[in-house]
């Protein structure tokens, strides 16, 4: 018996090697120490959830916010595009960013616990919507393009391997300078 790592899939050759350390003296009779199974071992990844930020809605008029102003009412939707339910707890983070990529210079607007377990696609409850009701300040130094970033499963609590590439969605804002 052996343990198969949880993040591999595909067809693999099973090779058995005896006396692999050559600790048993065999003179020149080592030609038969290695054999490969006739059939490959096929490993399939188990079904998993696939959380995705499907949309971000910015309230009307916020797309041209003023530096130093306040913003509230941003909404986002998270859905499960996987084949099994996401039943654990996870957090969705919302950031204000200068470049649209999550990095240390972004401002964390809020962290929100998932509102529901999510059924897989075509289930009864495959998505939820979150509204960021608390207002947040747009820094006075911002000018031009800024971005709202939503990242679902921010702490990687849900095993979505290898479908983590759709956990982030970005919405552009235009920040007008202070007159």
N, C-alpha and C. Protein backbone atom coordinates (compact mmCIF):
# COMPACT_ATOMS: atom_id res chain seq x y z
N UNK A 1 0.84 -1.18 0.00
CA UNK A 1 0.00 0.00 0.00
C UNK A 1 0.88 1.24 0.00
N UNK A 2 0.35 2.30 -0.60
CA UNK A 2 1.04 3.57 -0.58
C UNK A 2 0.01 4.68 -0.65
N UNK A 3 0.38 5.85 -0.21
CA UNK A 3 -0.52 7.00 -0.20
C UNK A 3 -0.28 7.81 -1.46
N UNK A 4 -1.37 8.12 -2.14
CA UNK A 4 -1.29 8.93 -3.35
C UNK A 4 -1.50 10.39 -2.95
N UNK A 5 -0.62 11.29 -3.33
CA UNK A 5 -0.82 12.71 -3.02
C UNK A 5 -2.16 13.20 -3.55
N UNK A 6 -2.80 14.11 -2.82
CA UNK A 6 -4.15 14.52 -3.18
C UNK A 6 -4.19 15.48 -4.37
N UNK A 7 -3.07 15.94 -4.86
CA UNK A 7 -3.08 16.92 -5.94
C UNK A 7 -2.42 16.40 -7.22
N UNK A 8 -2.57 15.14 -7.50
CA UNK A 8 -2.07 14.62 -8.77
C UNK A 8 -3.19 13.89 -9.49
N UNK A 9 -3.08 13.87 -10.80
CA UNK A 9 -3.99 13.06 -11.61
C UNK A 9 -3.28 12.69 -12.90
N UNK A 10 -3.83 11.73 -13.59
CA UNK A 10 -3.23 11.28 -14.84
C UNK A 10 -2.89 9.80 -14.80
N UNK A 11 -2.21 9.35 -15.84
CA UNK A 11 -1.82 7.94 -15.95
C UNK A 11 -0.35 7.80 -15.54
N UNK A 12 -0.07 6.82 -14.69
CA UNK A 12 1.27 6.62 -14.15
C UNK A 12 1.70 5.17 -14.34
N UNK A 13 3.00 4.99 -14.60
CA UNK A 13 3.58 3.65 -14.64
C UNK A 13 3.91 3.23 -13.22
N UNK A 14 3.61 1.99 -12.90
CA UNK A 14 3.99 1.43 -11.60
C UNK A 14 5.24 0.59 -11.84
N UNK A 15 6.32 0.98 -11.19
CA UNK A 15 7.61 0.32 -11.36
C UNK A 15 8.03 -0.25 -10.01
N UNK A 16 8.41 -1.50 -9.99
CA UNK A 16 8.87 -2.16 -8.77
C UNK A 16 10.35 -2.50 -8.95
N UNK A 17 11.14 -2.09 -7.97
CA UNK A 17 12.59 -2.36 -7.98
C UNK A 17 12.92 -3.14 -6.71
N UNK A 18 13.51 -4.30 -6.90
CA UNK A 18 13.96 -5.07 -5.74
C UNK A 18 15.44 -4.83 -5.54
N UNK A 19 15.90 -5.03 -4.35
CA UNK A 19 17.31 -4.82 -4.01
C UNK A 19 17.77 -3.45 -4.51
N UNK A 20 16.95 -2.44 -4.28
CA UNK A 20 17.23 -1.11 -4.83
C UNK A 20 18.49 -0.47 -4.27
N UNK A 21 18.93 -0.90 -3.10
CA UNK A 21 20.16 -0.33 -2.52
C UNK A 21 21.37 -1.22 -2.78
N UNK A 22 21.15 -2.29 -3.53
CA UNK A 22 22.22 -3.25 -3.83
C UNK A 22 22.87 -3.81 -2.57
N UNK A 23 22.09 -3.95 -1.52
CA UNK A 23 22.63 -4.48 -0.27
C UNK A 23 22.79 -6.01 -0.31
N UNK A 24 22.11 -6.64 -1.24
CA UNK A 24 22.24 -8.08 -1.41
C UNK A 24 23.15 -8.32 -2.61
N UNK A 25 24.22 -9.06 -2.39
CA UNK A 25 25.15 -9.34 -3.49
C UNK A 25 24.50 -10.29 -4.48
N UNK A 26 24.47 -9.87 -5.77
CA UNK A 26 23.89 -10.69 -6.82
C UNK A 26 24.87 -10.93 -7.97
N UNK A 27 26.09 -10.59 -7.78
CA UNK A 27 27.10 -10.71 -8.82
C UNK A 27 26.60 -9.94 -10.04
N UNK A 28 26.42 -10.57 -11.16
CA UNK A 28 25.95 -9.88 -12.36
C UNK A 28 24.49 -10.21 -12.66
N UNK A 29 23.76 -10.73 -11.73
CA UNK A 29 22.37 -11.16 -11.95
C UNK A 29 21.38 -10.09 -11.49
N UNK A 30 21.60 -8.84 -11.90
CA UNK A 30 20.70 -7.75 -11.48
C UNK A 30 19.77 -7.28 -12.60
N UNK A 31 19.80 -7.95 -13.73
CA UNK A 31 18.98 -7.54 -14.87
C UNK A 31 17.47 -7.65 -14.59
N UNK A 32 17.09 -8.50 -13.65
CA UNK A 32 15.66 -8.73 -13.41
C UNK A 32 15.16 -8.06 -12.13
N UNK A 33 15.87 -7.03 -11.66
CA UNK A 33 15.48 -6.36 -10.42
C UNK A 33 14.42 -5.28 -10.62
N UNK A 34 14.14 -4.92 -11.85
CA UNK A 34 13.16 -3.87 -12.13
C UNK A 34 12.10 -4.42 -13.07
N UNK A 35 10.84 -4.15 -12.74
CA UNK A 35 9.74 -4.53 -13.63
C UNK A 35 8.68 -3.43 -13.60
N UNK A 36 8.01 -3.26 -14.72
CA UNK A 36 6.95 -2.27 -14.86
C UNK A 36 5.63 -3.01 -15.07
N UNK A 37 4.60 -2.56 -14.38
CA UNK A 37 3.28 -3.19 -14.52
C UNK A 37 2.81 -3.08 -15.97
N UNK A 38 2.04 -4.06 -16.41
CA UNK A 38 1.52 -4.05 -17.79
C UNK A 38 0.56 -2.90 -18.03
N UNK A 39 -0.23 -2.56 -17.04
CA UNK A 39 -1.21 -1.48 -17.17
C UNK A 39 -0.78 -0.27 -16.36
N UNK A 40 -1.15 0.92 -16.85
CA UNK A 40 -0.86 2.13 -16.09
C UNK A 40 -1.90 2.30 -14.99
N UNK A 41 -1.50 2.97 -13.93
CA UNK A 41 -2.39 3.34 -12.84
C UNK A 41 -2.98 4.70 -13.19
N UNK A 42 -4.31 4.76 -13.34
CA UNK A 42 -4.98 6.01 -13.69
C UNK A 42 -5.54 6.62 -12.41
N UNK A 43 -5.13 7.86 -12.14
CA UNK A 43 -5.55 8.57 -10.95
C UNK A 43 -6.38 9.77 -11.38
N UNK A 44 -7.58 9.86 -10.82
CA UNK A 44 -8.47 10.99 -11.11
C UNK A 44 -8.64 11.82 -9.84
N UNK A 45 -8.61 13.14 -10.01
CA UNK A 45 -8.85 14.01 -8.87
C UNK A 45 -10.28 13.82 -8.39
N UNK A 46 -10.49 13.87 -7.08
CA UNK A 46 -11.86 13.77 -6.59
C UNK A 46 -12.65 15.04 -6.96
N UNK A 47 -13.96 14.92 -6.98
CA UNK A 47 -14.80 16.10 -7.23
C UNK A 47 -14.57 17.11 -6.12
N UNK A 48 -14.59 18.38 -6.51
CA UNK A 48 -14.36 19.46 -5.55
C UNK A 48 -15.26 20.65 -5.87
N UNK A 49 -15.47 21.52 -4.87
CA UNK A 49 -16.16 22.78 -5.16
C UNK A 49 -15.27 23.68 -6.02
N UNK A 50 -15.85 24.68 -6.63
CA UNK A 50 -15.11 25.67 -7.41
C UNK A 50 -15.75 27.03 -7.17
N UNK A 51 -15.26 27.75 -6.15
CA UNK A 51 -15.82 29.06 -5.83
C UNK A 51 -15.33 30.09 -6.84
N UNK A 52 -16.24 30.99 -7.20
CA UNK A 52 -15.93 32.00 -8.21
C UNK A 52 -16.66 33.29 -7.85
N UNK A 53 -15.96 34.42 -7.96
CA UNK A 53 -16.61 35.72 -7.86
C UNK A 53 -17.21 35.99 -9.24
N UNK A 54 -18.53 35.97 -9.34
CA UNK A 54 -19.15 36.10 -10.66
C UNK A 54 -19.39 37.54 -11.07
N UNK A 55 -19.62 38.44 -10.10
CA UNK A 55 -19.76 39.84 -10.48
C UNK A 55 -19.53 40.76 -9.29
N UNK A 56 -19.19 42.01 -9.62
CA UNK A 56 -19.05 43.08 -8.64
C UNK A 56 -19.91 44.22 -9.16
N UNK A 57 -20.79 44.72 -8.32
CA UNK A 57 -21.62 45.86 -8.69
C UNK A 57 -21.23 47.06 -7.84
N UNK A 58 -20.93 48.15 -8.54
CA UNK A 58 -20.59 49.39 -7.87
C UNK A 58 -21.81 50.29 -8.01
N UNK A 59 -22.30 50.92 -6.92
CA UNK A 59 -23.50 51.75 -7.01
C UNK A 59 -23.35 52.84 -8.07
N UNK A 60 -24.44 53.24 -8.70
CA UNK A 60 -24.37 54.31 -9.70
C UNK A 60 -23.70 55.55 -9.12
N UNK A 61 -22.84 56.15 -9.90
CA UNK A 61 -22.14 57.36 -9.48
C UNK A 61 -20.83 57.09 -8.78
N UNK A 62 -20.62 55.86 -8.29
CA UNK A 62 -19.38 55.56 -7.58
C UNK A 62 -18.22 55.36 -8.55
N UNK A 63 -18.53 55.06 -9.81
CA UNK A 63 -17.44 54.82 -10.76
C UNK A 63 -16.63 56.09 -11.03
N UNK A 64 -17.11 57.24 -10.58
CA UNK A 64 -16.37 58.49 -10.69
C UNK A 64 -16.25 59.15 -9.33
N UNK A 65 -15.73 58.44 -8.35
CA UNK A 65 -15.65 58.91 -6.98
C UNK A 65 -14.53 59.94 -6.82
N UNK A 66 -14.69 60.83 -5.84
CA UNK A 66 -13.67 61.84 -5.59
C UNK A 66 -12.68 61.37 -4.54
N UNK A 67 -11.42 61.72 -4.73
CA UNK A 67 -10.40 61.44 -3.73
C UNK A 67 -10.83 62.09 -2.43
N UNK A 68 -10.65 61.37 -1.33
CA UNK A 68 -11.07 61.88 -0.03
C UNK A 68 -12.54 61.62 0.27
N UNK A 69 -13.28 61.08 -0.69
CA UNK A 69 -14.71 60.80 -0.49
C UNK A 69 -14.94 59.45 0.17
N UNK A 70 -16.20 59.13 0.35
CA UNK A 70 -16.60 57.86 0.95
C UNK A 70 -17.39 57.06 -0.07
N UNK A 71 -17.28 55.73 0.05
CA UNK A 71 -18.01 54.81 -0.83
C UNK A 71 -18.67 53.75 0.04
N UNK A 72 -19.87 53.37 -0.33
CA UNK A 72 -20.55 52.25 0.33
C UNK A 72 -21.49 51.62 -0.69
N UNK A 73 -22.00 50.45 -0.34
CA UNK A 73 -22.98 49.79 -1.19
C UNK A 73 -22.42 48.94 -2.31
N UNK A 74 -21.14 48.63 -2.27
CA UNK A 74 -20.57 47.72 -3.26
C UNK A 74 -21.15 46.33 -3.01
N UNK A 75 -21.53 45.64 -4.07
CA UNK A 75 -22.09 44.30 -3.96
C UNK A 75 -21.25 43.33 -4.79
N UNK A 76 -21.21 42.09 -4.33
CA UNK A 76 -20.55 41.05 -5.13
C UNK A 76 -21.28 39.74 -4.95
N UNK A 77 -21.12 38.87 -5.94
CA UNK A 77 -21.76 37.56 -5.92
C UNK A 77 -20.69 36.49 -6.00
N UNK A 78 -20.84 35.46 -5.16
CA UNK A 78 -19.96 34.29 -5.17
C UNK A 78 -20.82 33.10 -5.53
N UNK A 79 -20.30 32.27 -6.43
CA UNK A 79 -21.03 31.07 -6.83
C UNK A 79 -20.11 29.86 -6.79
N UNK A 80 -20.72 28.70 -6.75
CA UNK A 80 -19.98 27.43 -6.77
C UNK A 80 -20.16 26.81 -8.14
N UNK A 81 -19.10 26.79 -8.93
CA UNK A 81 -19.14 26.20 -10.28
C UNK A 81 -18.64 24.76 -10.27
N UNK A 82 -18.39 24.21 -9.09
CA UNK A 82 -17.87 22.86 -8.97
C UNK A 82 -18.96 21.81 -9.06
N UNK A 83 -18.56 20.58 -8.78
CA UNK A 83 -19.47 19.45 -8.90
C UNK A 83 -19.96 18.93 -7.55
N UNK A 84 -19.40 19.47 -6.45
CA UNK A 84 -19.91 19.11 -5.12
C UNK A 84 -20.09 20.38 -4.31
N UNK A 85 -20.87 20.28 -3.23
CA UNK A 85 -21.18 21.44 -2.40
C UNK A 85 -19.95 21.94 -1.65
N UNK A 86 -19.91 23.25 -1.45
CA UNK A 86 -18.92 23.89 -0.58
C UNK A 86 -19.64 24.12 0.75
N UNK A 87 -19.30 23.34 1.77
CA UNK A 87 -20.06 23.36 3.02
C UNK A 87 -19.28 23.95 4.19
N UNK A 88 -17.99 24.18 4.03
CA UNK A 88 -17.18 24.69 5.12
C UNK A 88 -17.34 26.21 5.23
N UNK A 89 -16.58 26.80 6.14
CA UNK A 89 -16.57 28.25 6.32
C UNK A 89 -15.39 28.84 5.57
N UNK A 90 -15.63 29.95 4.88
CA UNK A 90 -14.56 30.68 4.21
C UNK A 90 -14.86 32.16 4.28
N UNK A 91 -13.88 32.98 3.90
CA UNK A 91 -14.03 34.43 3.95
C UNK A 91 -13.79 35.02 2.57
N UNK A 92 -14.55 36.07 2.28
CA UNK A 92 -14.39 36.84 1.05
C UNK A 92 -13.81 38.20 1.44
N UNK A 93 -12.67 38.57 0.84
CA UNK A 93 -12.04 39.85 1.15
C UNK A 93 -12.28 40.83 0.02
N UNK A 94 -12.48 42.09 0.40
CA UNK A 94 -12.68 43.18 -0.56
C UNK A 94 -11.57 44.20 -0.33
N UNK A 95 -10.92 44.59 -1.43
CA UNK A 95 -9.77 45.50 -1.36
C UNK A 95 -9.99 46.70 -2.28
N UNK A 96 -9.31 47.80 -1.93
CA UNK A 96 -9.15 48.94 -2.82
C UNK A 96 -7.69 48.90 -3.26
N UNK A 97 -7.46 48.92 -4.57
CA UNK A 97 -6.12 48.72 -5.10
C UNK A 97 -5.77 49.79 -6.14
N UNK A 98 -4.50 50.10 -6.25
CA UNK A 98 -4.02 51.04 -7.28
C UNK A 98 -3.78 50.35 -8.61
N UNK A 99 -3.51 49.03 -8.58
CA UNK A 99 -3.09 48.37 -9.81
C UNK A 99 -3.94 47.18 -10.23
N UNK A 100 -4.94 46.80 -9.44
CA UNK A 100 -5.80 45.68 -9.83
C UNK A 100 -5.27 44.32 -9.45
N UNK A 101 -4.10 44.27 -8.80
CA UNK A 101 -3.51 43.02 -8.32
C UNK A 101 -3.41 43.09 -6.80
N UNK A 102 -3.76 42.00 -6.13
CA UNK A 102 -3.67 41.99 -4.68
C UNK A 102 -2.20 42.01 -4.27
N UNK A 103 -1.85 43.01 -3.46
CA UNK A 103 -0.48 43.16 -2.98
C UNK A 103 -0.52 43.88 -1.63
N UNK A 104 0.65 44.03 -1.02
CA UNK A 104 0.72 44.60 0.33
C UNK A 104 0.32 46.06 0.39
N UNK A 105 0.28 46.77 -0.74
CA UNK A 105 -0.08 48.19 -0.69
C UNK A 105 -1.59 48.41 -0.85
N UNK A 106 -2.37 47.34 -0.99
CA UNK A 106 -3.82 47.47 -1.12
C UNK A 106 -4.46 47.75 0.23
N UNK A 107 -5.63 48.35 0.21
CA UNK A 107 -6.38 48.65 1.41
C UNK A 107 -7.48 47.61 1.55
N UNK A 108 -7.49 46.88 2.66
CA UNK A 108 -8.54 45.90 2.92
C UNK A 108 -9.79 46.66 3.37
N UNK A 109 -10.83 46.57 2.58
CA UNK A 109 -12.09 47.23 2.89
C UNK A 109 -12.88 46.41 3.90
N UNK A 110 -12.86 45.11 3.73
CA UNK A 110 -13.58 44.24 4.66
C UNK A 110 -13.36 42.79 4.35
N UNK A 111 -13.61 41.96 5.36
CA UNK A 111 -13.53 40.51 5.22
C UNK A 111 -14.87 39.96 5.68
N UNK A 112 -15.52 39.17 4.83
CA UNK A 112 -16.89 38.74 5.06
C UNK A 112 -16.97 37.22 5.03
N UNK A 113 -17.52 36.66 6.11
CA UNK A 113 -17.71 35.20 6.14
C UNK A 113 -18.78 34.81 5.14
N UNK A 114 -18.57 33.64 4.50
CA UNK A 114 -19.58 33.19 3.53
C UNK A 114 -20.95 33.14 4.20
N UNK A 115 -21.96 33.48 3.41
CA UNK A 115 -23.32 33.58 3.95
C UNK A 115 -24.06 32.25 3.93
N UNK A 116 -23.56 31.30 3.15
CA UNK A 116 -24.26 30.02 3.03
C UNK A 116 -23.33 28.97 2.47
N UNK A 117 -23.67 27.71 2.75
CA UNK A 117 -23.03 26.62 2.02
C UNK A 117 -23.56 26.71 0.60
N UNK A 118 -22.73 26.36 -0.37
CA UNK A 118 -23.15 26.49 -1.76
C UNK A 118 -23.22 25.13 -2.44
N UNK A 119 -24.37 24.84 -3.01
CA UNK A 119 -24.55 23.63 -3.79
C UNK A 119 -23.73 23.73 -5.07
N UNK A 120 -23.49 22.60 -5.71
CA UNK A 120 -22.80 22.65 -7.00
C UNK A 120 -23.72 23.24 -8.07
N UNK A 121 -23.18 23.47 -9.24
CA UNK A 121 -23.95 24.02 -10.36
C UNK A 121 -25.26 23.26 -10.50
N UNK A 122 -26.32 23.98 -10.76
CA UNK A 122 -27.68 23.45 -10.93
C UNK A 122 -28.31 23.00 -9.62
N UNK A 123 -27.71 23.32 -8.49
CA UNK A 123 -28.33 23.02 -7.20
C UNK A 123 -29.29 24.13 -6.81
N UNK A 124 -29.89 23.99 -5.64
CA UNK A 124 -30.86 24.99 -5.17
C UNK A 124 -30.19 26.29 -4.75
N UNK A 125 -29.05 26.20 -4.10
CA UNK A 125 -28.37 27.38 -3.58
C UNK A 125 -26.94 27.37 -4.10
N UNK A 126 -26.74 27.91 -5.30
CA UNK A 126 -25.41 27.87 -5.92
C UNK A 126 -24.66 29.19 -5.80
N UNK A 127 -25.31 30.24 -5.25
CA UNK A 127 -24.62 31.52 -5.12
C UNK A 127 -25.20 32.32 -3.97
N UNK A 128 -24.45 33.35 -3.55
CA UNK A 128 -24.96 34.33 -2.59
C UNK A 128 -24.40 35.69 -2.96
N UNK A 129 -25.12 36.73 -2.54
CA UNK A 129 -24.72 38.11 -2.80
C UNK A 129 -24.39 38.77 -1.47
N UNK A 130 -23.30 39.52 -1.43
CA UNK A 130 -22.88 40.27 -0.25
C UNK A 130 -22.90 41.75 -0.59
N UNK A 131 -23.44 42.56 0.32
CA UNK A 131 -23.44 44.02 0.17
C UNK A 131 -22.52 44.59 1.23
N UNK A 132 -21.56 45.40 0.80
CA UNK A 132 -20.64 46.08 1.71
C UNK A 132 -21.34 47.36 2.16
N UNK A 133 -22.05 47.30 3.29
CA UNK A 133 -22.85 48.43 3.76
C UNK A 133 -22.03 49.51 4.42
N UNK A 134 -20.94 49.12 5.09
CA UNK A 134 -20.12 50.13 5.75
C UNK A 134 -19.36 50.95 4.72
N UNK A 135 -19.35 52.25 4.93
CA UNK A 135 -18.63 53.11 3.98
C UNK A 135 -17.14 53.05 4.27
N UNK A 136 -16.36 53.32 3.25
CA UNK A 136 -14.91 53.37 3.40
C UNK A 136 -14.40 54.61 2.67
N UNK A 137 -13.26 55.10 3.15
CA UNK A 137 -12.68 56.32 2.60
C UNK A 137 -11.83 56.03 1.39
N UNK A 138 -11.94 56.89 0.39
CA UNK A 138 -11.01 56.87 -0.74
C UNK A 138 -9.86 57.80 -0.35
N UNK A 139 -8.64 57.29 -0.25
CA UNK A 139 -7.52 58.15 0.18
C UNK A 139 -7.38 59.40 -0.70
N UNK A 140 -6.99 60.48 -0.07
CA UNK A 140 -6.87 61.77 -0.77
C UNK A 140 -5.79 61.73 -1.85
N UNK A 141 -4.81 60.83 -1.70
CA UNK A 141 -3.70 60.78 -2.66
C UNK A 141 -4.04 60.03 -3.95
N UNK A 142 -5.16 59.31 -3.99
CA UNK A 142 -5.50 58.55 -5.20
C UNK A 142 -5.93 59.47 -6.33
N UNK A 143 -5.52 59.12 -7.54
CA UNK A 143 -5.89 59.86 -8.75
C UNK A 143 -6.04 58.87 -9.89
N UNK A 144 -6.98 59.08 -10.74
CA UNK A 144 -7.11 58.24 -11.94
C UNK A 144 -7.73 56.89 -11.62
N UNK A 145 -7.14 55.85 -12.21
CA UNK A 145 -7.71 54.51 -12.06
C UNK A 145 -7.38 53.91 -10.70
N UNK A 146 -8.40 53.30 -10.11
CA UNK A 146 -8.26 52.49 -8.90
C UNK A 146 -9.15 51.27 -9.12
N UNK A 147 -9.05 50.30 -8.26
CA UNK A 147 -9.77 49.05 -8.49
C UNK A 147 -10.36 48.51 -7.20
N UNK A 148 -11.56 47.97 -7.31
CA UNK A 148 -12.15 47.17 -6.25
C UNK A 148 -11.84 45.73 -6.61
N UNK A 149 -11.25 44.99 -5.67
CA UNK A 149 -10.91 43.58 -5.89
C UNK A 149 -11.68 42.75 -4.86
N UNK A 150 -12.34 41.71 -5.32
CA UNK A 150 -12.99 40.77 -4.42
C UNK A 150 -12.30 39.42 -4.61
N UNK A 151 -11.91 38.84 -3.48
CA UNK A 151 -11.29 37.51 -3.49
C UNK A 151 -12.10 36.58 -2.59
N UNK A 152 -12.73 35.58 -3.18
CA UNK A 152 -13.45 34.60 -2.39
C UNK A 152 -12.47 33.56 -1.87
N UNK A 153 -12.83 32.92 -0.80
CA UNK A 153 -11.97 31.92 -0.14
C UNK A 153 -10.57 32.49 0.06
N UNK A 154 -10.53 33.68 0.67
CA UNK A 154 -9.27 34.42 0.82
C UNK A 154 -8.23 33.65 1.62
N UNK A 155 -8.64 32.79 2.53
CA UNK A 155 -7.68 32.03 3.32
C UNK A 155 -7.43 30.63 2.80
N UNK A 156 -7.93 30.34 1.60
CA UNK A 156 -7.79 29.01 1.00
C UNK A 156 -8.31 27.90 1.92
N UNK A 157 -9.47 28.12 2.51
CA UNK A 157 -10.09 27.13 3.39
C UNK A 157 -10.73 25.99 2.63
N UNK A 158 -11.15 26.26 1.40
CA UNK A 158 -11.85 25.27 0.58
C UNK A 158 -10.85 24.64 -0.38
N UNK A 159 -10.80 23.33 -0.42
CA UNK A 159 -9.90 22.64 -1.35
C UNK A 159 -10.55 22.64 -2.73
N UNK A 160 -10.09 23.57 -3.58
CA UNK A 160 -10.61 23.70 -4.94
C UNK A 160 -9.61 23.21 -5.98
N UNK A 161 -8.52 22.64 -5.54
CA UNK A 161 -7.43 22.31 -6.46
C UNK A 161 -7.98 21.63 -7.70
N UNK A 162 -7.63 22.03 -8.71
CA UNK A 162 -6.80 22.99 -9.37
C UNK A 162 -7.62 24.11 -10.00
N UNK A 163 -8.66 24.54 -9.32
CA UNK A 163 -9.58 25.55 -9.84
C UNK A 163 -9.56 26.84 -9.03
N UNK A 164 -8.40 27.22 -8.50
CA UNK A 164 -8.29 28.45 -7.71
C UNK A 164 -8.07 29.69 -8.57
N UNK A 165 -8.03 29.54 -9.87
CA UNK A 165 -7.69 30.67 -10.74
C UNK A 165 -8.85 31.63 -10.99
N UNK A 166 -10.05 31.36 -10.47
CA UNK A 166 -11.18 32.25 -10.69
C UNK A 166 -11.73 32.80 -9.39
N UNK A 167 -10.92 32.83 -8.33
CA UNK A 167 -11.37 33.32 -7.03
C UNK A 167 -11.32 34.83 -6.90
N UNK A 168 -10.75 35.51 -7.88
CA UNK A 168 -10.57 36.97 -7.81
C UNK A 168 -11.27 37.63 -9.00
N UNK A 169 -11.97 38.72 -8.68
CA UNK A 169 -12.57 39.55 -9.74
C UNK A 169 -12.24 41.00 -9.43
N UNK A 170 -12.05 41.80 -10.47
CA UNK A 170 -11.60 43.19 -10.35
C UNK A 170 -12.59 44.10 -11.06
N UNK A 171 -12.91 45.24 -10.42
CA UNK A 171 -13.78 46.25 -11.02
C UNK A 171 -13.06 47.60 -10.96
N UNK A 172 -12.93 48.27 -12.11
CA UNK A 172 -12.20 49.55 -12.16
C UNK A 172 -13.08 50.70 -11.68
N UNK A 173 -12.44 51.63 -10.99
CA UNK A 173 -13.05 52.91 -10.57
C UNK A 173 -12.20 54.04 -11.10
N UNK A 174 -12.81 55.17 -11.34
CA UNK A 174 -12.06 56.37 -11.67
C UNK A 174 -12.13 57.31 -10.47
N UNK A 175 -10.97 57.66 -9.95
CA UNK A 175 -10.90 58.56 -8.79
C UNK A 175 -10.56 59.96 -9.30
N UNK A 176 -11.48 60.89 -9.05
CA UNK A 176 -11.29 62.28 -9.47
C UNK A 176 -10.49 63.02 -8.40
N UNK A 177 -9.53 63.85 -8.81
CA UNK A 177 -8.72 64.57 -7.82
C UNK A 177 -9.56 65.58 -7.04
N UNK A 178 -9.05 65.93 -5.86
CA UNK A 178 -9.70 66.96 -5.04
C UNK A 178 -9.48 68.30 -5.75
N UNK A 179 -10.56 69.07 -5.93
CA UNK A 179 -10.38 70.36 -6.62
C UNK A 179 -9.53 71.35 -5.85
